[in-house]
Amino acid sequence: MSNQTYVTRREPVASFARNRNTIRHAKRSLGSISQVVIISMITLVCGLIYVAEGAKVTGFDYEISAVESEISEMTAKRDDLAVEKARLNSVAAAKNSTVAAAMEDATVTGYAAD
């Protein structure tokens, strides 16, 4: 066999070598139109989220107003019942009083003639 010597040397990066390409490709980036489309889509999604949250709040406002109207109706009913209770208590108290027991019963004495 023949004597072969192995010499290591640094090869330039873009030189011809085994299993290497000699062409360098520039990194690809998004174009201006793609960037505009992406930003507009992000803006659209944020807008839709904002509108959805606003609609949810409006729905809660309707529920709150319905509950508040129900509360005001029940408060008015409670006040009416309190007045009715006071009236009935006063009639019962008047019926059981000593002054009312001493009074005579009312009778119709007659009607006015035409």
PDB file of N, CA and C in Angstrom:
ATOM      1  N   MET A   1       0.804  -1.176   0.000  1.00  0.00           N
ATOM      2  CA  MET A   1       0.000   0.000   0.000  1.00  0.00           C
ATOM      3  C   MET A   1       0.848   1.240   0.000  1.00  0.00           C
ATOM      4  N   SER A   2       0.228   2.259  -0.430  1.00  0.00           N
ATOM      5  CA  SER A   2       0.972   3.503  -0.514  1.00  0.00           C
ATOM      6  C   SER A   2       0.761   4.321   0.743  1.00  0.00           C
ATOM      7  N   ASN A   3       1.725   5.094   1.061  1.00  0.00           N
ATOM      8  CA  ASN A   3       1.615   5.950   2.235  1.00  0.00           C
ATOM      9  C   ASN A   3       0.883   7.225   1.859  1.00  0.00           C
ATOM     10  N   GLN A   4      -0.195   7.453   2.558  1.00  0.00           N
ATOM     11  CA  GLN A   4      -0.949   8.680   2.326  1.00  0.00           C
ATOM     12  C   GLN A   4      -0.913   9.514   3.600  1.00  0.00           C
ATOM     13  N   THR A   5      -0.764  10.756   3.431  1.00  0.00           N
ATOM     14  CA  THR A   5      -0.780  11.638   4.594  1.00  0.00           C
ATOM     15  C   THR A   5      -2.096  12.417   4.604  1.00  0.00           C
ATOM     16  N   TYR A   6      -2.591  12.611   5.743  1.00  0.00           N
ATOM     17  CA  TYR A   6      -3.867  13.322   5.913  1.00  0.00           C
ATOM     18  C   TYR A   6      -3.563  14.710   6.437  1.00  0.00           C
ATOM     19  N   VAL A   7      -3.984  15.691   5.700  1.00  0.00           N
ATOM     20  CA  VAL A   7      -3.726  17.069   6.083  1.00  0.00           C
ATOM     21  C   VAL A   7      -5.069  17.732   6.388  1.00  0.00           C
ATOM     22  N   THR A   8      -5.189  18.291   7.563  1.00  0.00           N
ATOM     23  CA  THR A   8      -6.415  19.016   7.912  1.00  0.00           C
ATOM     24  C   THR A   8      -6.199  20.471   7.616  1.00  0.00           C
ATOM     25  N   ARG A   9      -7.124  21.037   6.969  1.00  0.00           N
ATOM     26  CA  ARG A   9      -7.067  22.470   6.729  1.00  0.00           C
ATOM     27  C   ARG A   9      -8.476  23.036   6.782  1.00  0.00           C
ATOM     28  N   ARG A  10      -8.555  24.223   7.192  1.00  0.00           N
ATOM     29  CA  ARG A  10      -9.868  24.865   7.256  1.00  0.00           C
ATOM     30  C   ARG A  10     -10.270  25.291   5.882  1.00  0.00           C
ATOM     31  N   GLU A  11     -11.448  24.877   5.543  1.00  0.00           N
ATOM     32  CA  GLU A  11     -11.951  25.276   4.234  1.00  0.00           C
ATOM     33  C   GLU A  11     -12.897  26.451   4.402  1.00  0.00           C
ATOM     34  N   PRO A  12     -12.939  27.297   3.471  1.00  0.00           N
ATOM     35  CA  PRO A  12     -13.919  28.398   3.542  1.00  0.00           C
ATOM     36  C   PRO A  12     -15.345  27.816   3.553  1.00  0.00           C
ATOM     37  N   VAL A  13     -16.262  28.520   4.152  1.00  0.00           N
ATOM     38  CA  VAL A  13     -17.624  28.020   4.334  1.00  0.00           C
ATOM     39  C   VAL A  13     -18.309  27.827   2.991  1.00  0.00           C
ATOM     40  N   ALA A  14     -18.071  28.681   2.048  1.00  0.00           N
ATOM     41  CA  ALA A  14     -18.783  28.618   0.778  1.00  0.00           C
ATOM     42  C   ALA A  14     -17.999  27.871  -0.291  1.00  0.00           C
ATOM     43  N   SER A  15     -17.058  27.063   0.102  1.00  0.00           N
ATOM     44  CA  SER A  15     -16.270  26.359  -0.907  1.00  0.00           C
ATOM     45  C   SER A  15     -16.936  25.037  -1.255  1.00  0.00           C
ATOM     46  N   PHE A  16     -16.448  24.431  -2.287  1.00  0.00           N
ATOM     47  CA  PHE A  16     -16.946  23.115  -2.669  1.00  0.00           C
ATOM     48  C   PHE A  16     -16.402  22.090  -1.693  1.00  0.00           C
ATOM     49  N   ALA A  17     -17.252  21.336  -1.137  1.00  0.00           N
ATOM     50  CA  ALA A  17     -16.844  20.263  -0.238  1.00  0.00           C
ATOM     51  C   ALA A  17     -17.888  19.166  -0.334  1.00  0.00           C
ATOM     52  N   ARG A  18     -17.552  18.081   0.197  1.00  0.00           N
ATOM     53  CA  ARG A  18     -18.458  16.952   0.127  1.00  0.00           C
ATOM     54  C   ARG A  18     -19.710  17.232   0.975  1.00  0.00           C
ATOM     55  N   ASN A  19     -20.892  16.958   0.427  1.00  0.00           N
ATOM     56  CA  ASN A  19     -22.188  17.124   1.078  1.00  0.00           C
ATOM     57  C   ASN A  19     -22.455  18.557   1.543  1.00  0.00           C
ATOM     58  N   ARG A  20     -21.984  19.518   0.827  1.00  0.00           N
ATOM     59  CA  ARG A  20     -22.265  20.914   1.151  1.00  0.00           C
ATOM     60  C   ARG A  20     -22.770  21.626  -0.084  1.00  0.00           C
ATOM     61  N   ASN A  21     -23.721  22.514   0.167  1.00  0.00           N
ATOM     62  CA  ASN A  21     -24.209  23.354  -0.930  1.00  0.00           C
ATOM     63  C   ASN A  21     -23.348  24.594  -1.021  1.00  0.00           C
ATOM     64  N   THR A  22     -23.189  25.058  -2.201  1.00  0.00           N
ATOM     65  CA  THR A  22     -22.398  26.270  -2.384  1.00  0.00           C
ATOM     66  C   THR A  22     -23.275  27.504  -2.504  1.00  0.00           C
ATOM     67  N   ILE A  23     -24.575  27.334  -2.397  1.00  0.00           N
ATOM     68  CA  ILE A  23     -25.498  28.463  -2.525  1.00  0.00           C
ATOM     69  C   ILE A  23     -26.033  28.809  -1.147  1.00  0.00           C
ATOM     70  N   ARG A  24     -26.048  30.065  -0.841  1.00  0.00           N
ATOM     71  CA  ARG A  24     -26.633  30.521   0.420  1.00  0.00           C
ATOM     72  C   ARG A  24     -27.975  31.170   0.114  1.00  0.00           C
ATOM     73  N   HIS A  25     -28.941  30.784   0.894  1.00  0.00           N
ATOM     74  CA  HIS A  25     -30.274  31.359   0.740  1.00  0.00           C
ATOM     75  C   HIS A  25     -30.497  32.400   1.830  1.00  0.00           C
ATOM     76  N   ALA A  26     -31.122  33.470   1.443  1.00  0.00           N
ATOM     77  CA  ALA A  26     -31.464  34.505   2.423  1.00  0.00           C
ATOM     78  C   ALA A  26     -32.671  34.042   3.233  1.00  0.00           C
ATOM     79  N   LYS A  27     -32.705  34.454   4.470  1.00  0.00           N
ATOM     80  CA  LYS A  27     -33.839  34.095   5.313  1.00  0.00           C
ATOM     81  C   LYS A  27     -35.094  34.745   4.767  1.00  0.00           C
ATOM     82  N   ARG A  28     -36.153  33.960   4.782  1.00  0.00           N
ATOM     83  CA  ARG A  28     -37.419  34.508   4.294  1.00  0.00           C
ATOM     84  C   ARG A  28     -38.161  35.154   5.461  1.00  0.00           C
ATOM     85  N   SER A  29     -38.814  36.240   5.176  1.00  0.00           N
ATOM     86  CA  SER A  29     -39.635  36.911   6.178  1.00  0.00           C
ATOM     87  C   SER A  29     -40.980  37.230   5.539  1.00  0.00           C
ATOM     88  N   LEU A  30     -41.909  37.618   6.386  1.00  0.00           N
ATOM     89  CA  LEU A  30     -43.230  37.947   5.884  1.00  0.00           C
ATOM     90  C   LEU A  30     -43.177  39.222   5.067  1.00  0.00           C
ATOM     91  N   GLY A  31     -43.989  39.258   4.048  1.00  0.00           N
ATOM     92  CA  GLY A  31     -44.069  40.455   3.227  1.00  0.00           C
ATOM     93  C   GLY A  31     -44.954  41.500   3.870  1.00  0.00           C
ATOM     94  N   SER A  32     -45.003  42.655   3.273  1.00  0.00           N
ATOM     95  CA  SER A  32     -45.787  43.748   3.848  1.00  0.00           C
ATOM     96  C   SER A  32     -47.278  43.438   3.804  1.00  0.00           C
ATOM     97  N   ILE A  33     -47.729  42.785   2.756  1.00  0.00           N
ATOM     98  CA  ILE A  33     -49.161  42.456   2.657  1.00  0.00           C
ATOM     99  C   ILE A  33     -49.530  41.433   3.736  1.00  0.00           C
ATOM    100  N   SER A  34     -48.686  40.449   3.947  1.00  0.00           N
ATOM    101  CA  SER A  34     -48.955  39.453   4.986  1.00  0.00           C
ATOM    102  C   SER A  34     -48.993  40.099   6.363  1.00  0.00           C
ATOM    103  N   GLN A  35     -48.109  41.032   6.612  1.00  0.00           N
ATOM    104  CA  GLN A  35     -48.105  41.712   7.900  1.00  0.00           C
ATOM    105  C   GLN A  35     -49.379  42.516   8.100  1.00  0.00           C
ATOM    106  N   VAL A  36     -49.839  43.185   7.062  1.00  0.00           N
ATOM    107  CA  VAL A  36     -51.077  43.967   7.153  1.00  0.00           C
ATOM    108  C   VAL A  36     -52.257  43.038   7.421  1.00  0.00           C
ATOM    109  N   VAL A  37     -52.301  41.900   6.739  1.00  0.00           N
ATOM    110  CA  VAL A  37     -53.400  40.949   6.929  1.00  0.00           C
ATOM    111  C   VAL A  37     -53.396  40.407   8.353  1.00  0.00           C
ATOM    112  N   ILE A  38     -52.244  40.055   8.878  1.00  0.00           N
ATOM    113  CA  ILE A  38     -52.159  39.517  10.234  1.00  0.00           C
ATOM    114  C   ILE A  38     -52.585  40.556  11.267  1.00  0.00           C
ATOM    115  N   ILE A  39     -52.132  41.784  11.114  1.00  0.00           N
ATOM    116  CA  ILE A  39     -52.500  42.844  12.056  1.00  0.00           C
ATOM    117  C   ILE A  39     -53.992  43.131  11.981  1.00  0.00           C
ATOM    118  N   SER A  40     -54.568  43.130  10.775  1.00  0.00           N
ATOM    119  CA  SER A  40     -56.007  43.375  10.659  1.00  0.00           C
ATOM    120  C   SER A  40     -56.806  42.236  11.274  1.00  0.00           C
ATOM    121  N   MET A  41     -56.331  40.994  11.146  1.00  0.00           N
ATOM    122  CA  MET A  41     -57.038  39.871  11.755  1.00  0.00           C
ATOM    123  C   MET A  41     -56.976  39.958  13.284  1.00  0.00           C
ATOM    124  N   ILE A  42     -55.839  40.327  13.825  1.00  0.00           N
ATOM    125  CA  ILE A  42     -55.711  40.492  15.274  1.00  0.00           C
ATOM    126  C   ILE A  42     -56.644  41.599  15.763  1.00  0.00           C
ATOM    127  N   THR A  43     -56.707  42.701  15.028  1.00  0.00           N
ATOM    128  CA  THR A  43     -57.601  43.803  15.387  1.00  0.00           C
ATOM    129  C   THR A  43     -59.057  43.363  15.329  1.00  0.00           C
ATOM    130  N   LEU A  44     -59.407  42.591  14.318  1.00  0.00           N
ATOM    131  CA  LEU A  44     -60.778  42.096  14.178  1.00  0.00           C
ATOM    132  C   LEU A  44     -61.153  41.180  15.337  1.00  0.00           C
ATOM    133  N   VAL A  45     -60.259  40.295  15.713  1.00  0.00           N
ATOM    134  CA  VAL A  45     -60.537  39.384  16.832  1.00  0.00           C
ATOM    135  C   VAL A  45     -60.697  40.164  18.134  1.00  0.00           C
ATOM    136  N   CYS A  46     -59.830  41.146  18.361  1.00  0.00           N
ATOM    137  CA  CYS A  46     -59.949  41.971  19.572  1.00  0.00           C
ATOM    138  C   CYS A  46     -61.268  42.740  19.578  1.00  0.00           C
ATOM    139  N   GLY A  47     -61.680  43.250  18.431  1.00  0.00           N
ATOM    140  CA  GLY A  47     -62.958  43.954  18.327  1.00  0.00           C
ATOM    141  C   GLY A  47     -64.131  43.042  18.610  1.00  0.00           C
ATOM    142  N   LEU A  48     -64.091  41.829  18.091  1.00  0.00           N
ATOM    143  CA  LEU A  48     -65.178  40.878  18.348  1.00  0.00           C
ATOM    144  C   LEU A  48     -65.256  40.505  19.830  1.00  0.00           C
ATOM    145  N   ILE A  49     -64.110  40.352  20.460  1.00  0.00           N
ATOM    146  CA  ILE A  49     -64.105  40.058  21.897  1.00  0.00           C
ATOM    147  C   ILE A  49     -64.698  41.231  22.673  1.00  0.00           C
ATOM    148  N   TYR A  50     -64.346  42.447  22.288  1.00  0.00           N
ATOM    149  CA  TYR A  50     -64.871  43.637  22.948  1.00  0.00           C
ATOM    150  C   TYR A  50     -66.389  43.718  22.806  1.00  0.00           C
ATOM    151  N   VAL A  51     -66.895  43.469  21.604  1.00  0.00           N
ATOM    152  CA  VAL A  51     -68.341  43.529  21.372  1.00  0.00           C
ATOM    153  C   VAL A  51     -69.058  42.426  22.146  1.00  0.00           C
ATOM    154  N   ALA A  52     -68.473  41.237  22.186  1.00  0.00           N
ATOM    155  CA  ALA A  52     -69.099  40.133  22.916  1.00  0.00           C
ATOM    156  C   ALA A  52     -69.186  40.445  24.405  1.00  0.00           C
ATOM    157  N   GLU A  53     -68.139  41.011  24.968  1.00  0.00           N
ATOM    158  CA  GLU A  53     -68.167  41.369  26.384  1.00  0.00           C
ATOM    159  C   GLU A  53     -69.174  42.480  26.648  1.00  0.00           C
ATOM    160  N   GLY A  54     -69.290  43.436  25.730  1.00  0.00           N
ATOM    161  CA  GLY A  54     -70.293  44.503  25.886  1.00  0.00           C
ATOM    162  C   GLY A  54     -71.700  43.957  25.855  1.00  0.00           C
ATOM    163  N   ALA A  55     -71.952  42.983  24.981  1.00  0.00           N
ATOM    164  CA  ALA A  55     -73.280  42.370  24.908  1.00  0.00           C
ATOM    165  C   ALA A  55     -73.576  41.590  26.181  1.00  0.00           C
ATOM    166  N   LYS A  56     -72.568  40.944  26.739  1.00  0.00           N
ATOM    167  CA  LYS A  56     -72.766  40.191  27.982  1.00  0.00           C
ATOM    168  C   LYS A  56     -73.137  41.139  29.118  1.00  0.00           C
ATOM    169  N   VAL A  57     -72.485  42.291  29.187  1.00  0.00           N
ATOM    170  CA  VAL A  57     -72.775  43.267  30.233  1.00  0.00           C
ATOM    171  C   VAL A  57     -74.186  43.805  30.060  1.00  0.00           C
ATOM    172  N   THR A  58     -74.597  44.047  28.811  1.00  0.00           N
ATOM    173  CA  THR A  58     -75.947  44.534  28.557  1.00  0.00           C
ATOM    174  C   THR A  58     -76.976  43.502  29.006  1.00  0.00           C
ATOM    175  N   GLY A  59     -76.711  42.240  28.771  1.00  0.00           N
ATOM    176  CA  GLY A  59     -77.613  41.191  29.227  1.00  0.00           C
ATOM    177  C   GLY A  59     -77.738  41.173  30.740  1.00  0.00           C
ATOM    178  N   PHE A  60     -76.626  41.384  31.432  1.00  0.00           N
ATOM    179  CA  PHE A  60     -76.675  41.447  32.890  1.00  0.00           C
ATOM    180  C   PHE A  60     -77.470  42.664  33.350  1.00  0.00           C
ATOM    181  N   ASP A  61     -77.365  43.784  32.602  1.00  0.00           N
ATOM    182  CA  ASP A  61     -78.133  44.980  32.955  1.00  0.00           C
ATOM    183  C   ASP A  61     -79.625  44.701  32.869  1.00  0.00           C
ATOM    184  N   TYR A  62     -80.055  43.966  31.833  1.00  0.00           N
ATOM    185  CA  TYR A  62     -81.475  43.625  31.711  1.00  0.00           C
ATOM    186  C   TYR A  62     -81.926  42.747  32.870  1.00  0.00           C
ATOM    187  N   GLU A  63     -81.115  41.787  33.254  1.00  0.00           N
ATOM    188  CA  GLU A  63     -81.470  40.925  34.383  1.00  0.00           C
ATOM    189  C   GLU A  63     -81.552  41.728  35.678  1.00  0.00           C
ATOM    190  N   ILE A  64     -80.611  42.630  35.883  1.00  0.00           N
ATOM    191  CA  ILE A  64     -80.610  43.453  37.098  1.00  0.00           C
ATOM    192  C   ILE A  64     -81.832  44.352  37.132  1.00  0.00           C
ATOM    193  N   SER A  65     -82.196  44.952  36.008  1.00  0.00           N
ATOM    194  CA  SER A  65     -83.366  45.824  35.996  1.00  0.00           C
ATOM    195  C   SER A  65     -84.645  45.034  36.242  1.00  0.00           C
ATOM    196  N   ALA A  66     -84.717  43.791  35.739  1.00  0.00           N
ATOM    197  CA  ALA A  66     -85.896  42.957  36.001  1.00  0.00           C
ATOM    198  C   ALA A  66     -85.998  42.631  37.488  1.00  0.00           C
ATOM    199  N   VAL A  67     -84.883  42.302  38.110  1.00  0.00           N
ATOM    200  CA  VAL A  67     -84.894  41.989  39.551  1.00  0.00           C
ATOM    201  C   VAL A  67     -85.245  43.244  40.354  1.00  0.00           C
ATOM    202  N   GLU A  68     -84.724  44.395  39.960  1.00  0.00           N
ATOM    203  CA  GLU A  68     -85.030  45.630  40.680  1.00  0.00           C
ATOM    204  C   GLU A  68     -86.499  45.995  40.561  1.00  0.00           C
ATOM    205  N   SER A  69     -87.102  45.786  39.385  1.00  0.00           N
ATOM    206  CA  SER A  69     -88.537  46.072  39.241  1.00  0.00           C
ATOM    207  C   SER A  69     -89.359  45.108  40.087  1.00  0.00           C
ATOM    208  N   GLU A  70     -88.944  43.852  40.152  1.00  0.00           N
ATOM    209  CA  GLU A  70     -89.640  42.882  40.998  1.00  0.00           C
ATOM    210  C   GLU A  70     -89.534  43.279  42.472  1.00  0.00           C
ATOM    211  N   ILE A  71     -88.364  43.767  42.882  1.00  0.00           N
ATOM    212  CA  ILE A  71     -88.173  44.216  44.268  1.00  0.00           C
ATOM    213  C   ILE A  71     -89.085  45.406  44.567  1.00  0.00           C
ATOM    214  N   SER A  72     -89.180  46.357  43.629  1.00  0.00           N
ATOM    215  CA  SER A  72     -90.033  47.532  43.874  1.00  0.00           C
ATOM    216  C   SER A  72     -91.507  47.143  43.933  1.00  0.00           C
ATOM    217  N   GLU A  73     -91.935  46.176  43.101  1.00  0.00           N
ATOM    218  CA  GLU A  73     -93.324  45.707  43.164  1.00  0.00           C
ATOM    219  C   GLU A  73     -93.612  45.038  44.503  1.00  0.00           C
ATOM    220  N   MET A  74     -92.687  44.224  44.972  1.00  0.00           N
ATOM    221  CA  MET A  74     -92.893  43.532  46.242  1.00  0.00           C
ATOM    222  C   MET A  74     -92.856  44.503  47.416  1.00  0.00           C
ATOM    223  N   THR A  75     -92.046  45.550  47.316  1.00  0.00           N
ATOM    224  CA  THR A  75     -92.006  46.564  48.373  1.00  0.00           C
ATOM    225  C   THR A  75     -93.333  47.306  48.437  1.00  0.00           C
ATOM    226  N   ALA A  76     -93.897  47.653  47.281  1.00  0.00           N
ATOM    227  CA  ALA A  76     -95.198  48.325  47.251  1.00  0.00           C
ATOM    228  C   ALA A  76     -96.285  47.406  47.811  1.00  0.00           C
ATOM    229  N   LYS A  77     -96.230  46.121  47.475  1.00  0.00           N
ATOM    230  CA  LYS A  77     -97.199  45.160  47.999  1.00  0.00           C
ATOM    231  C   LYS A  77     -97.065  45.032  49.517  1.00  0.00           C
ATOM    232  N   ARG A  78     -95.830  45.018  50.018  1.00  0.00           N
ATOM    233  CA  ARG A  78     -95.603  44.944  51.457  1.00  0.00           C
ATOM    234  C   ARG A  78     -96.185  46.162  52.164  1.00  0.00           C
ATOM    235  N   ASP A  79     -95.993  47.352  51.562  1.00  0.00           N
ATOM    236  CA  ASP A  79     -96.541  48.569  52.158  1.00  0.00           C
ATOM    237  C   ASP A  79     -98.068  48.525  52.190  1.00  0.00           C
ATOM    238  N   ASP A  80     -98.677  48.033  51.110  1.00  0.00           N
ATOM    239  CA  ASP A  80    -100.140  47.902  51.077  1.00  0.00           C
ATOM    240  C   ASP A  80    -100.622  46.931  52.153  1.00  0.00           C
ATOM    241  N   LEU A  81     -99.916  45.828  52.317  1.00  0.00           N
ATOM    242  CA  LEU A  81    -100.296  44.860  53.346  1.00  0.00           C
ATOM    243  C   LEU A  81    -100.118  45.425  54.754  1.00  0.00           C
ATOM    244  N   ALA A  82     -99.104  46.264  54.942  1.00  0.00           N
ATOM    245  CA  ALA A  82     -98.911  46.898  56.253  1.00  0.00           C
ATOM    246  C   ALA A  82    -100.070  47.840  56.564  1.00  0.00           C
ATOM    247  N   VAL A  83    -100.545  48.574  55.562  1.00  0.00           N
ATOM    248  CA  VAL A  83    -101.694  49.469  55.761  1.00  0.00           C
ATOM    249  C   VAL A  83    -102.943  48.648  56.076  1.00  0.00           C
ATOM    250  N   GLU A  84    -103.149  47.546  55.340  1.00  0.00           N
ATOM    251  CA  GLU A  84    -104.301  46.677  55.578  1.00  0.00           C
ATOM    252  C   GLU A  84    -104.251  46.077  56.988  1.00  0.00           C
ATOM    253  N   LYS A  85    -103.065  45.683  57.426  1.00  0.00           N
ATOM    254  CA  LYS A  85    -102.906  45.128  58.773  1.00  0.00           C
ATOM    255  C   LYS A  85    -103.246  46.173  59.831  1.00  0.00           C
ATOM    256  N   ALA A  86    -102.770  47.391  59.629  1.00  0.00           N
ATOM    257  CA  ALA A  86    -103.055  48.463  60.584  1.00  0.00           C
ATOM    258  C   ALA A  86    -104.551  48.756  60.622  1.00  0.00           C
ATOM    259  N   ARG A  87    -105.236  48.739  59.481  1.00  0.00           N
ATOM    260  CA  ARG A  87    -106.674  48.988  59.427  1.00  0.00           C
ATOM    261  C   ARG A  87    -107.427  47.899  60.182  1.00  0.00           C
ATOM    262  N   LEU A  88    -107.056  46.635  59.923  1.00  0.00           N
ATOM    263  CA  LEU A  88    -107.734  45.532  60.594  1.00  0.00           C
ATOM    264  C   LEU A  88    -107.474  45.541  62.102  1.00  0.00           C
ATOM    265  N   ASN A  89    -106.262  45.894  62.504  1.00  0.00           N
ATOM    266  CA  ASN A  89    -105.960  45.986  63.937  1.00  0.00           C
ATOM    267  C   ASN A  89    -106.753  47.104  64.598  1.00  0.00           C
ATOM    268  N   SER A  90    -106.922  48.213  63.896  1.00  0.00           N
ATOM    269  CA  SER A  90    -107.672  49.328  64.484  1.00  0.00           C
ATOM    270  C   SER A  90    -109.156  48.977  64.599  1.00  0.00           C
ATOM    271  N   VAL A  91    -109.704  48.253  63.616  1.00  0.00           N
ATOM    272  CA  VAL A  91    -111.106  47.837  63.703  1.00  0.00           C
ATOM    273  C   VAL A  91    -111.291  46.868  64.865  1.00  0.00           C
ATOM    274  N   ALA A  92    -110.360  45.929  65.016  1.00  0.00           N
ATOM    275  CA  ALA A  92    -110.460  44.976  66.126  1.00  0.00           C
ATOM    276  C   ALA A  92    -110.300  45.668  67.464  1.00  0.00           C
ATOM    277  N   ALA A  93    -109.390  46.629  67.542  1.00  0.00           N
ATOM    278  CA  ALA A  93    -109.188  47.362  68.795  1.00  0.00           C
ATOM    279  C   ALA A  93    -110.408  48.205  69.131  1.00  0.00           C
ATOM    280  N   ALA A  94    -111.025  48.788  68.122  1.00  0.00           N
ATOM    281  CA  ALA A  94    -112.216  49.605  68.363  1.00  0.00           C
ATOM    282  C   ALA A  94    -113.383  48.729  68.788  1.00  0.00           C
ATOM    283  N   LYS A  95    -113.494  47.547  68.246  1.00  0.00           N
ATOM    284  CA  LYS A  95    -114.600  46.647  68.592  1.00  0.00           C
ATOM    285  C   LYS A  95    -114.477  46.160  70.031  1.00  0.00           C
ATOM    286  N   ASN A  96    -113.248  45.969  70.498  1.00  0.00           N
ATOM    287  CA  ASN A  96    -113.033  45.447  71.847  1.00  0.00           C
ATOM    288  C   ASN A  96    -112.884  46.543  72.906  1.00  0.00           C
ATOM    289  N   SER A  97    -112.982  47.810  72.553  1.00  0.00           N
ATOM    290  CA  SER A  97    -112.770  48.885  73.521  1.00  0.00           C
ATOM    291  C   SER A  97    -114.015  49.093  74.384  1.00  0.00           C
ATOM    292  N   THR A  98    -113.839  49.693  75.537  1.00  0.00           N
ATOM    293  CA  THR A  98    -114.965  49.963  76.448  1.00  0.00           C
ATOM    294  C   THR A  98    -115.844  51.077  75.916  1.00  0.00           C
ATOM    295  N   VAL A  99    -115.263  51.996  75.188  1.00  0.00           N
ATOM    296  CA  VAL A  99    -116.036  53.098  74.623  1.00  0.00           C
ATOM    297  C   VAL A  99    -117.002  52.554  73.578  1.00  0.00           C
ATOM    298  N   ALA A 100    -116.526  51.642  72.741  1.00  0.00           N
ATOM    299  CA  ALA A 100    -117.388  51.074  71.701  1.00  0.00           C
ATOM    300  C   ALA A 100    -118.465  50.189  72.312  1.00  0.00           C
ATOM    301  N   ALA A 101    -118.180  49.553  73.437  1.00  0.00           N
ATOM    302  CA  ALA A 101    -119.178  48.711  74.085  1.00  0.00           C
ATOM    303  C   ALA A 101    -120.298  49.549  74.695  1.00  0.00           C
ATOM    304  N   ALA A 102    -119.991  50.762  75.110  1.00  0.00           N
ATOM    305  CA  ALA A 102    -120.991  51.656  75.700  1.00  0.00           C
ATOM    306  C   ALA A 102    -121.846  52.325  74.642  1.00  0.00           C
ATOM    307  N   MET A 103    -121.501  52.282  73.399  1.00  0.00           N
ATOM    308  CA  MET A 103    -122.267  52.939  72.336  1.00  0.00           C
ATOM    309  C   MET A 103    -123.476  52.095  71.961  1.00  0.00           C
ATOM    310  N   GLU A 104    -124.472  52.783  71.448  1.00  0.00           N
ATOM    311  CA  GLU A 104    -125.673  52.108  70.973  1.00  0.00           C
ATOM    312  C   GLU A 104    -125.474  51.688  69.526  1.00  0.00           C
ATOM    313  N   ASP A 105    -126.215  50.649  69.137  1.00  0.00           N
ATOM    314  CA  ASP A 105    -126.148  50.221  67.741  1.00  0.00           C
ATOM    315  C   ASP A 105    -126.885  51.232  66.876  1.00  0.00           C
ATOM    316  N   ALA A 106    -126.410  51.413  65.694  1.00  0.00           N
ATOM    317  CA  ALA A 106    -127.030  52.355  64.772  1.00  0.00           C
ATOM    318  C   ALA A 106    -128.236  51.679  64.127  1.00  0.00           C
ATOM    319  N   THR A 107    -129.349  52.414  64.077  1.00  0.00           N
ATOM    320  CA  THR A 107    -130.543  51.919  63.414  1.00  0.00           C
ATOM    321  C   THR A 107    -131.026  52.959  62.444  1.00  0.00           C
ATOM    322  N   VAL A 108    -131.686  52.501  61.431  1.00  0.00           N
ATOM    323  CA  VAL A 108    -132.225  53.422  60.436  1.00  0.00           C
ATOM    324  C   VAL A 108    -133.569  53.929  60.971  1.00  0.00           C
ATOM    325  N   THR A 109    -133.689  55.236  61.099  1.00  0.00           N
ATOM    326  CA  THR A 109    -134.913  55.801  61.631  1.00  0.00           C
ATOM    327  C   THR A 109    -135.909  56.105  60.535  1.00  0.00           C
ATOM    328  N   GLY A 110    -135.470  56.279  59.363  1.00  0.00           N
ATOM    329  CA  GLY A 110    -136.392  56.556  58.272  1.00  0.00           C
ATOM    330  C   GLY A 110    -135.673  57.191  57.130  1.00  0.00           C
ATOM    331  N   TYR A 111    -136.377  57.262  56.035  1.00  0.00           N
ATOM    332  CA  TYR A 111    -135.813  57.851  54.840  1.00  0.00           C
ATOM    333  C   TYR A 111    -136.522  59.159  54.548  1.00  0.00           C
ATOM    334  N   ALA A 112    -135.859  60.037  53.907  1.00  0.00           N
ATOM    335  CA  ALA A 112    -136.458  61.310  53.541  1.00  0.00           C
ATOM    336  C   ALA A 112    -137.443  61.079  52.415  1.00  0.00           C
ATOM    337  N   ALA A 113    -138.594  61.699  52.507  1.00  0.00           N
ATOM    338  CA  ALA A 113    -139.602  61.550  51.471  1.00  0.00           C
ATOM    339  C   ALA A 113    -139.336  62.545  50.360  1.00  0.00           C
ATOM    340  N   ASP A 114    -139.781  62.162  49.208  1.00  0.00           N
ATOM    341  CA  ASP A 114    -139.584  63.046  48.063  1.00  0.00           C
ATOM    342  C   ASP A 114    -140.412  64.284  48.183  1.00  0.00           C
TER     343      ASP A 114
END
